[in-house]
Amino acid sequence: MPRRHPRRNGGTGRRNLLAAVATGVAGIGIGLNVLKPEAYTSAVLGRGANAAVTDDPNAVLGMEGLTDTSVTPTFTNRSSATMDVTLDAVETGIEWDLGDDGTYVTDPVTFTLGSGSSTELAVKGADEVTADITAVRSANGTTTGRIELQRVIDVPQSNVVQEIAGSAKAAGNSGKYEFELENTGNVDVSLVGVGVNETTNPNATQVDGGGILIAPGGSVVSNEIPVDSSDPSSDTRVDFDQSVPLNAGQTKSFEFDRFRDSSGKNAEMKGADLRVTFYFTDGSSGVVELCLAGCSF
């Protein structure tokens, strides 16, 4: 289990911001701004550095989306100099995805932000991550300031899709399509909706039939699921009749009952690949590829 960091500030809540301590350093602390209590755990800034509340996107180190699981956290350098930013998680087994491109690296992570630049930073490995954050500010190769703080980042359930192995088991002329989902991560999730983004069978336009989508215990979808192949990045969501839990380390079998063509006939799905979006209880979503022919989208 991930190691939890003890709560601070008298247990007033995990999202409460830590009290600030501003410490001057000879040659750097001249002209140091007086920081608001919400700003930083500690900070040393040079001349002209405006220190605002860190969680304000207009702060010297702006951070957005840390507690909004519907977006990827974004870090912005609002200062006039370069910042080298490091995030080091208190919990174990944490991984970071700089740029949110699906490529994860083990904790800690360090990246450079030029003046005025931003980057997204996704995280997985726990349902919330407590990160010690350090930003070193420099200009012309000289360190001009340092910011140290700690924040809790809420992790969307969709991030475990990176750890859900989707595997197509069988498909045939009847339009049925069987597959498995395995949660290889350490966070329990629940699926509450689905959308079919696209399939390599151009004749398949929708999923319907007696069960639509069959999960352990029976059908979980009552309405037909359209195939939105016109825009592979989007899909049409269909909500489940009841949520389907997929706990850490668990594998479950699913089946799309019938893929149909535009005339309502069974679409032959033998050798077809799918790209499917699953929706989670926290409002997040993620895409899984189900491949019978190597996913040649």
Protein backbone atom coordinates (compact mmCIF):
# COMPACT_ATOMS: atom_id res chain seq x y z
CA MET A 1 0.00 0.00 0.00
CA PRO A 2 1.29 3.54 -0.72
CA ARG A 3 2.78 5.26 2.33
CA ARG A 4 0.58 8.10 3.53
CA HIS A 5 2.13 11.30 4.78
CA PRO A 6 0.86 12.52 8.18
CA ARG A 7 -1.60 15.39 7.97
CA ARG A 8 -0.39 18.83 8.89
CA ASN A 9 -1.64 22.16 10.23
CA GLY A 10 -3.46 20.54 13.14
CA GLY A 11 -5.33 18.12 10.87
CA THR A 12 -7.37 20.85 9.20
CA GLY A 13 -7.61 18.92 5.93
CA ARG A 14 -5.36 17.46 3.31
CA ARG A 15 -5.82 20.34 0.90
CA ASN A 16 -5.05 23.11 3.37
CA LEU A 17 -2.03 25.04 2.27
CA LEU A 18 1.10 25.02 4.42
CA ALA A 19 2.30 28.08 6.29
CA ALA A 20 5.02 30.11 4.59
CA VAL A 21 8.52 30.69 5.85
CA ALA A 22 10.57 33.21 3.89
CA THR A 23 14.31 33.01 4.53
CA GLY A 24 16.81 35.52 3.15
CA VAL A 25 20.19 34.42 1.86
CA ALA A 26 23.15 36.78 1.60
CA GLY A 27 23.40 38.19 -1.88
CA ILE A 28 20.03 36.76 -2.90
CA GLY A 29 17.51 37.80 -0.27
CA ILE A 30 17.89 41.54 -0.89
CA GLY A 31 14.51 42.86 -1.89
CA LEU A 32 12.80 39.61 -0.84
CA ASN A 33 9.03 39.82 -1.07
CA VAL A 34 6.96 39.24 2.07
CA LEU A 35 4.97 36.10 1.30
CA LYS A 36 1.37 35.45 2.15
CA PRO A 37 0.79 32.54 4.58
CA GLU A 38 -0.71 30.49 1.74
CA ALA A 39 2.22 30.85 -0.59
CA TYR A 40 5.23 28.61 0.05
CA THR A 41 6.77 26.43 2.71
CA SER A 42 9.94 28.41 2.14
CA ALA A 43 11.16 30.72 -0.58
CA VAL A 44 14.18 32.78 -1.52
CA LEU A 45 13.60 35.15 -4.42
CA GLY A 46 15.77 37.84 -5.96
CA ARG A 47 14.94 41.35 -7.09
CA GLY A 48 11.76 41.71 -9.14
CA ALA A 49 10.36 38.30 -8.21
CA ASN A 50 6.65 38.55 -7.45
CA ALA A 51 5.51 35.80 -5.09
CA ALA A 52 1.78 35.18 -5.19
CA VAL A 53 -0.29 32.29 -3.87
CA THR A 54 1.19 29.19 -5.51
CA ASP A 55 -2.18 27.64 -6.36
CA ASP A 56 -3.10 30.79 -8.23
CA PRO A 57 -2.29 30.18 -11.93
CA ASN A 58 -0.79 33.70 -12.01
CA ALA A 59 1.70 32.94 -9.22
CA VAL A 60 5.44 32.94 -9.77
CA LEU A 61 5.09 29.15 -9.91
CA GLY A 62 1.52 28.61 -11.05
CA MET A 63 -0.09 25.22 -10.43
CA GLU A 64 -3.52 24.30 -11.73
CA GLY A 65 -5.63 21.14 -11.58
CA LEU A 66 -4.00 19.53 -8.55
CA THR A 67 -7.38 18.68 -7.01
CA ASP A 68 -9.48 18.56 -10.19
CA THR A 69 -9.40 15.01 -11.52
CA SER A 70 -11.04 16.05 -14.79
CA VAL A 71 -7.87 17.85 -15.95
CA THR A 72 -4.13 17.14 -15.98
CA PRO A 73 -2.12 19.21 -13.47
CA THR A 74 -0.30 22.09 -15.17
CA PHE A 75 2.79 23.94 -13.93
CA THR A 76 3.58 27.45 -15.21
CA ASN A 77 6.68 29.58 -14.71
CA ARG A 78 5.44 33.15 -14.30
CA SER A 79 8.83 34.58 -13.40
CA SER A 80 11.27 36.34 -15.73
CA ALA A 81 13.91 33.62 -15.40
CA THR A 82 14.25 29.87 -15.94
CA MET A 83 13.04 27.40 -13.30
CA ASP A 84 14.23 23.84 -12.68
CA VAL A 85 11.32 22.09 -10.96
CA THR A 86 11.54 18.79 -9.04
CA LEU A 87 8.62 16.76 -7.65
CA ASP A 88 9.48 14.05 -5.12
CA ALA A 89 6.53 11.98 -3.85
CA VAL A 90 6.17 11.00 -0.21
CA GLU A 91 4.37 7.78 -1.25
CA THR A 92 6.25 4.87 -2.81
CA GLY A 93 5.65 3.42 -6.28
CA ILE A 94 4.75 6.77 -7.85
CA GLU A 95 5.33 7.51 -11.55
CA TRP A 96 5.18 10.80 -13.47
CA ASP A 97 4.25 11.57 -17.08
CA LEU A 98 5.81 14.83 -18.23
CA GLY A 99 3.72 16.26 -21.05
CA ASP A 100 0.89 13.76 -20.43
CA ASP A 101 1.87 11.68 -23.48
CA GLY A 102 1.55 8.26 -21.85
CA THR A 103 5.28 7.91 -21.10
CA TYR A 104 5.85 7.46 -17.37
CA VAL A 105 9.11 7.71 -15.41
CA THR A 106 9.75 6.65 -11.83
CA ASP A 107 9.69 9.17 -9.01
CA PRO A 108 11.21 11.76 -8.59
CA VAL A 109 10.85 13.87 -11.73
CA THR A 110 12.75 17.04 -12.72
CA PHE A 111 11.98 19.38 -15.60
CA THR A 112 12.94 22.86 -16.79
CA LEU A 113 10.46 25.66 -17.43
CA GLY A 114 11.51 28.71 -19.38
CA SER A 115 10.08 32.09 -18.48
CA GLY A 116 6.35 32.08 -19.27
CA SER A 117 6.25 28.40 -20.27
CA SER A 118 3.95 25.65 -19.01
CA THR A 119 3.86 21.86 -18.94
CA GLU A 120 1.33 19.20 -18.00
CA LEU A 121 2.40 16.58 -15.49
CA ALA A 122 0.27 13.47 -14.94
CA VAL A 123 0.87 11.07 -12.05
CA LYS A 124 -0.18 7.55 -11.10
CA GLY A 125 0.46 4.99 -8.39
CA ALA A 126 -2.02 6.08 -5.69
CA ASP A 127 -5.39 7.78 -5.47
CA GLU A 128 -3.63 10.88 -4.13
CA VAL A 129 0.03 11.83 -4.14
CA THR A 130 1.79 14.09 -1.64
CA ALA A 131 4.68 15.78 -3.49
CA ASP A 132 7.60 17.79 -2.15
CA ILE A 133 8.13 20.45 -4.83
CA THR A 134 11.33 22.42 -5.33
CA ALA A 135 11.80 25.14 -7.94
CA VAL A 136 15.25 26.66 -8.47
CA ARG A 137 15.16 29.98 -10.32
CA SER A 138 18.19 31.00 -12.39
CA ALA A 139 19.25 33.63 -14.90
CA ASN A 140 22.38 33.57 -17.06
CA GLY A 141 23.57 30.47 -15.24
CA THR A 142 23.28 32.07 -11.78
CA THR A 143 20.79 30.91 -9.14
CA THR A 144 18.53 33.80 -8.19
CA GLY A 145 15.92 32.10 -6.02
CA ARG A 146 14.52 28.90 -4.60
CA ILE A 147 10.97 27.82 -3.75
CA GLU A 148 10.10 24.79 -1.63
CA LEU A 149 6.56 23.63 -0.91
CA GLN A 150 4.41 20.54 -0.52
CA ARG A 151 1.11 19.81 -2.23
CA VAL A 152 -1.37 16.94 -2.45
CA ILE A 153 -2.31 15.93 -6.01
CA ASP A 154 -5.55 14.02 -6.58
CA VAL A 155 -5.08 11.28 -9.16
CA PRO A 156 -7.95 10.59 -11.60
CA GLN A 157 -9.13 7.00 -11.88
CA SER A 158 -8.58 7.23 -15.63
CA ASN A 159 -4.84 7.23 -15.07
CA VAL A 160 -5.01 3.56 -14.16
CA VAL A 161 -6.14 2.94 -17.73
CA GLN A 162 -2.42 3.16 -18.41
CA GLU A 163 -2.31 0.07 -16.19
CA ILE A 164 -5.39 -1.66 -17.60
CA ALA A 165 -4.36 -4.29 -20.12
CA GLY A 166 -7.09 -4.68 -22.72
CA SER A 167 -6.90 -7.88 -24.70
CA ALA A 168 -9.28 -9.07 -27.41
CA LYS A 169 -10.08 -12.76 -27.02
CA ALA A 170 -12.35 -13.67 -29.90
CA ALA A 171 -14.57 -12.21 -32.61
CA GLY A 172 -16.47 -13.65 -35.52
CA ASN A 173 -19.11 -13.27 -38.20
CA SER A 174 -21.89 -12.89 -35.63
CA GLY A 175 -20.63 -9.45 -34.59
CA LYS A 176 -19.70 -10.55 -31.07
CA TYR A 177 -16.47 -9.19 -29.64
CA GLU A 178 -14.96 -10.63 -26.46
CA PHE A 179 -12.22 -8.95 -24.47
CA GLU A 180 -10.65 -8.72 -21.03
CA LEU A 181 -9.63 -5.80 -18.84
CA GLU A 182 -6.92 -6.28 -16.25
CA ASN A 183 -6.15 -3.66 -13.60
CA THR A 184 -2.41 -4.09 -13.12
CA GLY A 185 -2.17 -1.02 -10.87
CA ASN A 186 -2.68 -0.62 -7.12
CA VAL A 187 -5.81 1.57 -7.18
CA ASP A 188 -9.36 0.18 -7.24
CA VAL A 189 -11.61 1.77 -9.88
CA SER A 190 -15.20 1.50 -11.08
CA LEU A 191 -16.37 1.79 -14.69
CA VAL A 192 -19.61 3.70 -15.26
CA GLY A 193 -19.74 4.32 -19.01
CA VAL A 194 -18.31 3.36 -22.39
CA GLY A 195 -17.85 4.71 -25.90
CA VAL A 196 -16.51 3.03 -29.02
CA ASN A 197 -14.15 5.50 -30.71
CA GLU A 198 -13.38 3.49 -33.80
CA THR A 199 -12.84 0.04 -35.29
CA THR A 200 -10.78 -1.19 -38.22
CA ASN A 201 -13.97 -2.71 -39.67
CA PRO A 202 -15.40 0.21 -41.72
CA ASN A 203 -18.82 -1.46 -41.94
CA ALA A 204 -19.41 -1.55 -38.17
CA THR A 205 -21.51 1.46 -37.18
CA GLN A 206 -23.03 0.51 -33.80
CA VAL A 207 -23.24 -2.09 -31.06
CA ASP A 208 -26.67 -3.42 -30.13
CA GLY A 209 -28.32 -6.80 -29.60
CA GLY A 210 -29.67 -8.53 -26.53
CA GLY A 211 -26.97 -7.54 -24.07
CA ILE A 212 -25.07 -4.65 -25.76
CA LEU A 213 -22.13 -4.89 -23.32
CA ILE A 214 -21.95 -7.96 -21.11
CA ALA A 215 -19.83 -7.82 -17.96
CA PRO A 216 -19.55 -10.27 -15.05
CA GLY A 217 -23.10 -10.67 -13.75
CA GLY A 218 -24.87 -9.80 -17.00
CA SER A 219 -25.56 -6.89 -19.32
CA VAL A 220 -24.58 -3.41 -18.08
CA VAL A 221 -25.68 -1.33 -21.11
CA SER A 222 -29.27 -0.96 -22.35
CA ASN A 223 -28.81 1.57 -25.18
CA GLU A 224 -27.00 0.96 -28.44
CA ILE A 225 -23.42 2.21 -28.63
CA PRO A 226 -22.57 4.14 -31.82
CA VAL A 227 -19.15 3.81 -33.46
CA ASP A 228 -17.84 7.34 -33.99
CA SER A 229 -15.16 6.58 -36.57
CA SER A 230 -15.51 10.02 -38.12
CA ASP A 231 -13.34 11.47 -35.33
CA PRO A 232 -11.08 8.90 -33.65
CA SER A 233 -10.32 11.28 -30.78
CA SER A 234 -13.97 11.43 -29.72
CA ASP A 235 -16.75 9.01 -28.89
CA THR A 236 -20.39 8.96 -27.92
CA ARG A 237 -20.76 8.03 -24.27
CA VAL A 238 -23.30 5.47 -23.09
CA ASP A 239 -23.77 5.11 -19.34
CA PHE A 240 -23.79 1.74 -17.61
CA ASP A 241 -26.97 0.58 -15.88
CA GLN A 242 -24.78 -0.13 -12.86
CA SER A 243 -21.10 0.49 -12.17
CA VAL A 244 -18.58 -2.29 -12.72
CA PRO A 245 -15.74 -2.42 -10.16
CA LEU A 246 -12.28 -3.36 -11.39
CA ASN A 247 -10.08 -3.68 -8.36
CA ALA A 248 -6.30 -3.59 -8.27
CA GLY A 249 -4.88 -6.81 -9.67
CA GLN A 250 -8.25 -7.97 -10.97
CA THR A 251 -9.12 -9.25 -14.47
CA LYS A 252 -12.67 -9.32 -15.84
CA SER A 253 -14.15 -10.58 -19.10
CA PHE A 254 -16.48 -8.45 -21.23
CA GLU A 255 -18.36 -8.91 -24.48
CA PHE A 256 -19.90 -6.54 -26.99
CA ASP A 257 -22.97 -8.53 -27.96
CA ARG A 258 -23.36 -7.51 -31.62
CA PHE A 259 -21.61 -5.06 -33.89
CA ARG A 260 -24.02 -4.07 -36.68
CA ASP A 261 -23.67 -2.32 -40.02
CA SER A 262 -25.81 0.59 -41.18
CA SER A 263 -28.54 -1.78 -42.40
CA GLY A 264 -28.74 -3.57 -39.04
CA LYS A 265 -26.99 -6.73 -40.18
CA ASN A 266 -24.24 -8.40 -38.15
CA ALA A 267 -20.82 -6.90 -38.88
CA GLU A 268 -18.00 -9.42 -39.25
CA MET A 269 -15.52 -8.52 -36.51
CA LYS A 270 -13.02 -11.34 -37.05
CA GLY A 271 -9.56 -9.75 -37.05
CA ALA A 272 -10.91 -6.28 -36.22
CA ASP A 273 -9.30 -3.89 -33.73
CA LEU A 274 -11.13 -1.47 -31.44
CA ARG A 275 -10.36 1.76 -29.65
CA VAL A 276 -12.71 2.12 -26.67
CA THR A 277 -13.17 4.85 -24.07
CA PHE A 278 -14.13 3.90 -20.51
CA TYR A 279 -15.54 6.36 -17.98
CA PHE A 280 -14.95 6.26 -14.23
CA THR A 281 -16.84 7.27 -11.10
CA ASP A 282 -14.74 10.42 -10.55
CA GLY A 283 -15.71 11.83 -13.97
CA SER A 284 -12.44 10.99 -15.69
CA SER A 285 -12.04 8.81 -18.76
CA GLY A 286 -9.37 6.90 -20.64
CA VAL A 287 -8.87 5.01 -23.89
CA VAL A 288 -8.04 1.30 -24.20
CA GLU A 289 -7.02 -0.37 -27.46
CA LEU A 290 -8.28 -3.91 -28.09
CA CYS A 291 -6.19 -5.58 -30.74
CA LEU A 292 -6.73 -8.69 -32.83
CA ALA A 293 -4.72 -7.52 -35.83
CA GLY A 294 -1.95 -5.44 -34.26
CA CYS A 295 -3.96 -2.23 -33.82
CA SER A 296 -3.24 -0.78 -37.24
CA PHE A 297 -5.31 2.38 -36.80
